[in-house]
């Protein structure tokens, strides 16, 4: 079931997707990953670029995802 958590998070957060160069991560304010075992997890750094994690957007997305799975066993 590759990408199920990611797909749900993208729907919850109304994400616009695009192919971007890796260099844009150097300018990121927040970065998070999604997985079925970690749900939404803020990242503290990407290579040498340090980030405050979780940031406010990551916290909001994580809360919305937790609420969804708590109320719908099969979202």
PDB file of N, CA and C in Angstrom:
ATOM      1  N   UNK A   1       0.827  -1.191   0.000  1.00  0.00           N
ATOM      2  CA  UNK A   1       0.000   0.000   0.000  1.00  0.00           C
ATOM      3  C   UNK A   1       0.869   1.252   0.000  1.00  0.00           C
ATOM      4  N   UNK A   2       1.756   1.336  -0.921  1.00  0.00           N
ATOM      5  CA  UNK A   2       2.680   2.469  -0.975  1.00  0.00           C
ATOM      6  C   UNK A   2       1.949   3.791  -1.125  1.00  0.00           C
ATOM      7  N   UNK A   3       2.281   4.736  -0.239  1.00  0.00           N
ATOM      8  CA  UNK A   3       1.780   6.087  -0.383  1.00  0.00           C
ATOM      9  C   UNK A   3       0.392   6.371   0.142  1.00  0.00           C
ATOM     10  N   UNK A   4      -0.218   5.447   0.882  1.00  0.00           N
ATOM     11  CA  UNK A   4      -1.578   5.669   1.384  1.00  0.00           C
ATOM     12  C   UNK A   4      -1.600   6.843   2.360  1.00  0.00           C
ATOM     13  N   UNK A   5      -0.690   6.856   3.320  1.00  0.00           N
ATOM     14  CA  UNK A   5      -0.634   7.955   4.286  1.00  0.00           C
ATOM     15  C   UNK A   5      -0.328   9.262   3.571  1.00  0.00           C
ATOM     16  N   UNK A   6       0.614   9.240   2.662  1.00  0.00           N
ATOM     17  CA  UNK A   6       0.967  10.445   1.896  1.00  0.00           C
ATOM     18  C   UNK A   6      -0.236  10.975   1.137  1.00  0.00           C
ATOM     19  N   UNK A   7      -0.961  10.093   0.479  1.00  0.00           N
ATOM     20  CA  UNK A   7      -2.136  10.508  -0.286  1.00  0.00           C
ATOM     21  C   UNK A   7      -3.177  11.168   0.617  1.00  0.00           C
ATOM     22  N   UNK A   8      -3.439  10.585   1.772  1.00  0.00           N
ATOM     23  CA  UNK A   8      -4.403  11.167   2.710  1.00  0.00           C
ATOM     24  C   UNK A   8      -3.938  12.530   3.215  1.00  0.00           C
ATOM     25  N   UNK A   9      -2.658  12.649   3.537  1.00  0.00           N
ATOM     26  CA  UNK A   9      -2.124  13.929   4.012  1.00  0.00           C
ATOM     27  C   UNK A   9      -2.206  14.982   2.912  1.00  0.00           C
ATOM     28  N   UNK A  10      -1.913  14.601   1.680  1.00  0.00           N
ATOM     29  CA  UNK A  10      -2.016  15.551   0.563  1.00  0.00           C
ATOM     30  C   UNK A  10      -3.444  16.047   0.393  1.00  0.00           C
ATOM     31  N   UNK A  11      -4.415  15.176   0.577  1.00  0.00           N
ATOM     32  CA  UNK A  11      -5.820  15.590   0.497  1.00  0.00           C
ATOM     33  C   UNK A  11      -6.177  16.518   1.659  1.00  0.00           C
ATOM     34  N   UNK A  12      -5.758  16.171   2.868  1.00  0.00           N
ATOM     35  CA  UNK A  12      -6.062  16.987   4.050  1.00  0.00           C
ATOM     36  C   UNK A  12      -5.458  18.383   3.951  1.00  0.00           C
ATOM     37  N   UNK A  13      -4.248  18.465   3.428  1.00  0.00           N
ATOM     38  CA  UNK A  13      -3.512  19.731   3.408  1.00  0.00           C
ATOM     39  C   UNK A  13      -3.722  20.508   2.116  1.00  0.00           C
ATOM     40  N   UNK A  14      -4.525  19.981   1.196  1.00  0.00           N
ATOM     41  CA  UNK A  14      -4.775  20.644  -0.086  1.00  0.00           C
ATOM     42  C   UNK A  14      -3.453  21.005  -0.765  1.00  0.00           C
ATOM     43  N   UNK A  15      -2.637  19.987  -0.975  1.00  0.00           N
ATOM     44  CA  UNK A  15      -1.281  20.143  -1.481  1.00  0.00           C
ATOM     45  C   UNK A  15      -1.273  20.322  -2.997  1.00  0.00           C
ATOM     46  N   UNK A  16      -0.432  21.234  -3.463  1.00  0.00           N
ATOM     47  CA  UNK A  16      -0.119  21.355  -4.886  1.00  0.00           C
ATOM     48  C   UNK A  16       1.223  20.659  -5.090  1.00  0.00           C
ATOM     49  N   UNK A  17       1.288  19.763  -6.047  1.00  0.00           N
ATOM     50  CA  UNK A  17       2.510  18.998  -6.267  1.00  0.00           C
ATOM     51  C   UNK A  17       3.220  19.479  -7.521  1.00  0.00           C
ATOM     52  N   UNK A  18       4.557  19.466  -7.452  1.00  0.00           N
ATOM     53  CA  UNK A  18       5.369  19.893  -8.579  1.00  0.00           C
ATOM     54  C   UNK A  18       6.730  19.219  -8.460  1.00  0.00           C
ATOM     55  N   UNK A  19       7.418  19.079  -9.570  1.00  0.00           N
ATOM     56  CA  UNK A  19       8.788  18.577  -9.559  1.00  0.00           C
ATOM     57  C   UNK A  19       9.711  19.770  -9.341  1.00  0.00           C
ATOM     58  N   UNK A  20      10.483  19.727  -8.280  1.00  0.00           N
ATOM     59  CA  UNK A  20      11.380  20.824  -7.933  1.00  0.00           C
ATOM     60  C   UNK A  20      12.786  20.285  -7.728  1.00  0.00           C
ATOM     61  N   UNK A  21      13.796  21.117  -7.952  1.00  0.00           N
ATOM     62  CA  UNK A  21      15.165  20.663  -7.694  1.00  0.00           C
ATOM     63  C   UNK A  21      15.398  20.499  -6.193  1.00  0.00           C
ATOM     64  N   UNK A  22      16.287  19.599  -5.841  1.00  0.00           N
ATOM     65  CA  UNK A  22      16.595  19.346  -4.433  1.00  0.00           C
ATOM     66  C   UNK A  22      17.086  20.606  -3.718  1.00  0.00           C
ATOM     67  N   UNK A  23      17.651  21.548  -4.451  1.00  0.00           N
ATOM     68  CA  UNK A  23      18.189  22.771  -3.848  1.00  0.00           C
ATOM     69  C   UNK A  23      17.122  23.582  -3.115  1.00  0.00           C
ATOM     70  N   UNK A  24      15.848  23.424  -3.462  1.00  0.00           N
ATOM     71  CA  UNK A  24      14.802  24.192  -2.776  1.00  0.00           C
ATOM     72  C   UNK A  24      14.688  23.785  -1.307  1.00  0.00           C
ATOM     73  N   UNK A  25      15.159  22.606  -0.961  1.00  0.00           N
ATOM     74  CA  UNK A  25      15.124  22.185   0.441  1.00  0.00           C
ATOM     75  C   UNK A  25      15.994  23.075   1.323  1.00  0.00           C
ATOM     76  N   UNK A  26      17.004  23.714   0.728  1.00  0.00           N
ATOM     77  CA  UNK A  26      17.852  24.635   1.490  1.00  0.00           C
ATOM     78  C   UNK A  26      17.081  25.867   1.942  1.00  0.00           C
ATOM     79  N   UNK A  27      15.949  26.147   1.301  1.00  0.00           N
ATOM     80  CA  UNK A  27      15.140  27.317   1.628  1.00  0.00           C
ATOM     81  C   UNK A  27      13.887  26.950   2.431  1.00  0.00           C
ATOM     82  N   UNK A  28      13.707  25.677   2.725  1.00  0.00           N
ATOM     83  CA  UNK A  28      12.486  25.217   3.395  1.00  0.00           C
ATOM     84  C   UNK A  28      12.435  25.682   4.847  1.00  0.00           C
ATOM     85  N   UNK A  29      11.235  26.085   5.273  1.00  0.00           N
ATOM     86  CA  UNK A  29      10.999  26.412   6.677  1.00  0.00           C
ATOM     87  C   UNK A  29      10.631  25.165   7.470  1.00  0.00           C
ATOM     88  N   UNK A  30       9.967  24.225   6.797  1.00  0.00           N
ATOM     89  CA  UNK A  30       9.553  22.974   7.428  1.00  0.00           C
ATOM     90  C   UNK A  30       9.672  21.847   6.416  1.00  0.00           C
ATOM     91  N   UNK A  31       9.962  20.665   6.930  1.00  0.00           N
ATOM     92  CA  UNK A  31       9.984  19.447   6.125  1.00  0.00           C
ATOM     93  C   UNK A  31       9.410  18.338   6.997  1.00  0.00           C
ATOM     94  N   UNK A  32       8.509  17.542   6.424  1.00  0.00           N
ATOM     95  CA  UNK A  32       8.018  16.381   7.163  1.00  0.00           C
ATOM     96  C   UNK A  32       7.922  15.196   6.231  1.00  0.00           C
ATOM     97  N   UNK A  33       7.929  14.016   6.823  1.00  0.00           N
ATOM     98  CA  UNK A  33       7.724  12.804   6.049  1.00  0.00           C
ATOM     99  C   UNK A  33       6.432  12.155   6.510  1.00  0.00           C
ATOM    100  N   UNK A  34       5.904  11.303   5.666  1.00  0.00           N
ATOM    101  CA  UNK A  34       4.706  10.545   6.015  1.00  0.00           C
ATOM    102  C   UNK A  34       4.998   9.069   5.811  1.00  0.00           C
ATOM    103  N   UNK A  35       4.427   8.259   6.678  1.00  0.00           N
ATOM    104  CA  UNK A  35       4.509   6.810   6.510  1.00  0.00           C
ATOM    105  C   UNK A  35       3.428   6.171   7.363  1.00  0.00           C
ATOM    106  N   UNK A  36       3.107   4.946   7.047  1.00  0.00           N
ATOM    107  CA  UNK A  36       2.056   4.256   7.799  1.00  0.00           C
ATOM    108  C   UNK A  36       2.494   3.939   9.223  1.00  0.00           C
ATOM    109  N   UNK A  37       3.793   3.893   9.480  1.00  0.00           N
ATOM    110  CA  UNK A  37       4.267   3.615  10.837  1.00  0.00           C
ATOM    111  C   UNK A  37       4.614   4.879  11.621  1.00  0.00           C
ATOM    112  N   UNK A  38       4.891   5.976  10.925  1.00  0.00           N
ATOM    113  CA  UNK A  38       5.269   7.227  11.596  1.00  0.00           C
ATOM    114  C   UNK A  38       4.214   8.319  11.454  1.00  0.00           C
ATOM    115  N   UNK A  39       3.179   8.070  10.668  1.00  0.00           N
ATOM    116  CA  UNK A  39       2.156   9.075  10.386  1.00  0.00           C
ATOM    117  C   UNK A  39       2.811  10.314   9.778  1.00  0.00           C
ATOM    118  N   UNK A  40       2.764  11.464  10.453  1.00  0.00           N
ATOM    119  CA  UNK A  40       3.393  12.698   9.968  1.00  0.00           C
ATOM    120  C   UNK A  40       4.506  13.043  10.948  1.00  0.00           C
ATOM    121  N   UNK A  41       5.741  13.080  10.461  1.00  0.00           N
ATOM    122  CA  UNK A  41       6.883  13.298  11.347  1.00  0.00           C
ATOM    123  C   UNK A  41       7.746  14.439  10.814  1.00  0.00           C
ATOM    124  N   UNK A  42       7.881  15.504  11.622  1.00  0.00           N
ATOM    125  CA  UNK A  42       8.734  16.632  11.256  1.00  0.00           C
ATOM    126  C   UNK A  42      10.198  16.223  11.234  1.00  0.00           C
ATOM    127  N   UNK A  43      10.941  16.834  10.332  1.00  0.00           N
ATOM    128  CA  UNK A  43      12.363  16.547  10.202  1.00  0.00           C
ATOM    129  C   UNK A  43      13.178  17.717  10.730  1.00  0.00           C
ATOM    130  N   UNK A  44      14.235  17.410  11.480  1.00  0.00           N
ATOM    131  CA  UNK A  44      15.070  18.439  12.103  1.00  0.00           C
ATOM    132  C   UNK A  44      16.147  18.977  11.174  1.00  0.00           C
ATOM    133  N   UNK A  45      16.468  18.220  10.130  1.00  0.00           N
ATOM    134  CA  UNK A  45      17.451  18.736   9.183  1.00  0.00           C
ATOM    135  C   UNK A  45      17.378  17.967   7.877  1.00  0.00           C
ATOM    136  N   UNK A  46      17.843  18.627   6.841  1.00  0.00           N
ATOM    137  CA  UNK A  46      18.035  18.016   5.531  1.00  0.00           C
ATOM    138  C   UNK A  46      19.484  18.312   5.169  1.00  0.00           C
ATOM    139  N   UNK A  47      20.291  17.275   5.116  1.00  0.00           N
ATOM    140  CA  UNK A  47      21.740  17.433   4.963  1.00  0.00           C
ATOM    141  C   UNK A  47      22.241  18.383   6.056  1.00  0.00           C
ATOM    142  N   UNK A  48      22.813  19.516   5.692  1.00  0.00           N
ATOM    143  CA  UNK A  48      23.340  20.450   6.692  1.00  0.00           C
ATOM    144  C   UNK A  48      22.344  21.545   7.065  1.00  0.00           C
ATOM    145  N   UNK A  49      21.201  21.573   6.419  1.00  0.00           N
ATOM    146  CA  UNK A  49      20.179  22.601   6.671  1.00  0.00           C
ATOM    147  C   UNK A  49      19.349  22.194   7.884  1.00  0.00           C
ATOM    148  N   UNK A  50      19.488  22.936   8.984  1.00  0.00           N
ATOM    149  CA  UNK A  50      18.762  22.632  10.219  1.00  0.00           C
ATOM    150  C   UNK A  50      17.400  23.313  10.219  1.00  0.00           C
ATOM    151  N   UNK A  51      16.419  22.610  10.795  1.00  0.00           N
ATOM    152  CA  UNK A  51      15.042  23.093  10.838  1.00  0.00           C
ATOM    153  C   UNK A  51      14.493  22.947  12.250  1.00  0.00           C
ATOM    154  N   UNK A  52      13.588  23.851  12.619  1.00  0.00           N
ATOM    155  CA  UNK A  52      12.836  23.669  13.855  1.00  0.00           C
ATOM    156  C   UNK A  52      11.714  22.690  13.549  1.00  0.00           C
ATOM    157  N   UNK A  53      11.679  21.592  14.260  1.00  0.00           N
ATOM    158  CA  UNK A  53      10.658  20.586  13.960  1.00  0.00           C
ATOM    159  C   UNK A  53      10.041  20.075  15.237  1.00  0.00           C
ATOM    160  N   UNK A  54       8.775  19.845  15.263  1.00  0.00           N
ATOM    161  CA  UNK A  54       7.869  20.157  14.159  1.00  0.00           C
ATOM    162  C   UNK A  54       7.492  21.631  14.170  1.00  0.00           C
ATOM    163  N   UNK A  55       7.315  22.176  12.984  1.00  0.00           N
ATOM    164  CA  UNK A  55       6.863  23.559  12.843  1.00  0.00           C
ATOM    165  C   UNK A  55       5.348  23.624  12.923  1.00  0.00           C
ATOM    166  N   UNK A  56       4.786  24.823  12.843  1.00  0.00           N
ATOM    167  CA  UNK A  56       3.341  24.980  12.995  1.00  0.00           C
ATOM    168  C   UNK A  56       2.521  24.278  11.911  1.00  0.00           C
ATOM    169  N   UNK A  57       3.003  24.271  10.693  1.00  0.00           N
ATOM    170  CA  UNK A  57       2.261  23.590   9.621  1.00  0.00           C
ATOM    171  C   UNK A  57       2.309  22.084   9.841  1.00  0.00           C
ATOM    172  N   UNK A  58       3.481  21.574  10.166  1.00  0.00           N
ATOM    173  CA  UNK A  58       3.617  20.140  10.432  1.00  0.00           C
ATOM    174  C   UNK A  58       2.724  19.716  11.587  1.00  0.00           C
ATOM    175  N   UNK A  59       2.691  20.510  12.660  1.00  0.00           N
ATOM    176  CA  UNK A  59       1.828  20.180  13.800  1.00  0.00           C
ATOM    177  C   UNK A  59       0.359  20.155  13.386  1.00  0.00           C
ATOM    178  N   UNK A  60      -0.066  21.110  12.582  1.00  0.00           N
ATOM    179  CA  UNK A  60      -1.464  21.160  12.146  1.00  0.00           C
ATOM    180  C   UNK A  60      -1.809  19.970  11.250  1.00  0.00           C
ATOM    181  N   UNK A  61      -0.923  19.637  10.326  1.00  0.00           N
ATOM    182  CA  UNK A  61      -1.158  18.489   9.443  1.00  0.00           C
ATOM    183  C   UNK A  61      -1.176  17.198  10.257  1.00  0.00           C
ATOM    184  N   UNK A  62      -0.253  17.052  11.192  1.00  0.00           N
ATOM    185  CA  UNK A  62      -0.213  15.852  12.037  1.00  0.00           C
ATOM    186  C   UNK A  62      -1.489  15.729  12.861  1.00  0.00           C
ATOM    187  N   UNK A  63      -1.970  16.842  13.406  1.00  0.00           N
ATOM    188  CA  UNK A  63      -3.206  16.824  14.196  1.00  0.00           C
ATOM    189  C   UNK A  63      -4.397  16.441  13.331  1.00  0.00           C
ATOM    190  N   UNK A  64      -4.492  17.019  12.138  1.00  0.00           N
ATOM    191  CA  UNK A  64      -5.604  16.707  11.237  1.00  0.00           C
ATOM    192  C   UNK A  64      -5.573  15.237  10.829  1.00  0.00           C
ATOM    193  N   UNK A  65      -4.380  14.712  10.574  1.00  0.00           N
ATOM    194  CA  UNK A  65      -4.264  13.303  10.203  1.00  0.00           C
ATOM    195  C   UNK A  65      -4.649  12.406  11.377  1.00  0.00           C
ATOM    196  N   UNK A  66      -4.174  12.734  12.568  1.00  0.00           N
ATOM    197  CA  UNK A  66      -4.522  11.945  13.760  1.00  0.00           C
ATOM    198  C   UNK A  66      -6.027  11.963  14.001  1.00  0.00           C
ATOM    199  N   UNK A  67      -6.653  13.126  13.826  1.00  0.00           N
ATOM    200  CA  UNK A  67      -8.109  13.222  13.981  1.00  0.00           C
ATOM    201  C   UNK A  67      -8.830  12.340  12.965  1.00  0.00           C
ATOM    202  N   UNK A  68      -8.336  12.352  11.723  1.00  0.00           N
ATOM    203  CA  UNK A  68      -8.958  11.552  10.670  1.00  0.00           C
ATOM    204  C   UNK A  68      -8.902  10.066  11.000  1.00  0.00           C
ATOM    205  N   UNK A  69      -7.724   9.569  11.347  1.00  0.00           N
ATOM    206  CA  UNK A  69      -7.609   8.132  11.606  1.00  0.00           C
ATOM    207  C   UNK A  69      -8.285   7.727  12.912  1.00  0.00           C
ATOM    208  N   UNK A  70      -8.449   8.667  13.834  1.00  0.00           N
ATOM    209  CA  UNK A  70      -9.153   8.361  15.082  1.00  0.00           C
ATOM    210  C   UNK A  70     -10.655   8.220  14.863  1.00  0.00           C
ATOM    211  N   UNK A  71     -11.174   8.900  13.853  1.00  0.00           N
ATOM    212  CA  UNK A  71     -12.620   8.877  13.609  1.00  0.00           C
ATOM    213  C   UNK A  71     -13.025   7.960  12.472  1.00  0.00           C
ATOM    214  N   UNK A  72     -12.066   7.578  11.624  1.00  0.00           N
ATOM    215  CA  UNK A  72     -12.383   6.734  10.467  1.00  0.00           C
ATOM    216  C   UNK A  72     -11.323   5.649  10.355  1.00  0.00           C
ATOM    217  N   UNK A  73     -11.659   4.441  10.738  1.00  0.00           N
ATOM    218  CA  UNK A  73     -10.703   3.330  10.739  1.00  0.00           C
ATOM    219  C   UNK A  73     -10.178   3.014   9.339  1.00  0.00           C
ATOM    220  N   UNK A  74     -10.946   3.346   8.312  1.00  0.00           N
ATOM    221  CA  UNK A  74     -10.563   3.075   6.927  1.00  0.00           C
ATOM    222  C   UNK A  74     -10.793   4.326   6.081  1.00  0.00           C
ATOM    223  N   UNK A  75      -9.934   5.358   6.288  1.00  0.00           N
ATOM    224  CA  UNK A  75     -10.153   6.619   5.574  1.00  0.00           C
ATOM    225  C   UNK A  75      -9.909   6.452   4.104  1.00  0.00           C
TER     226      UNK A  75
END
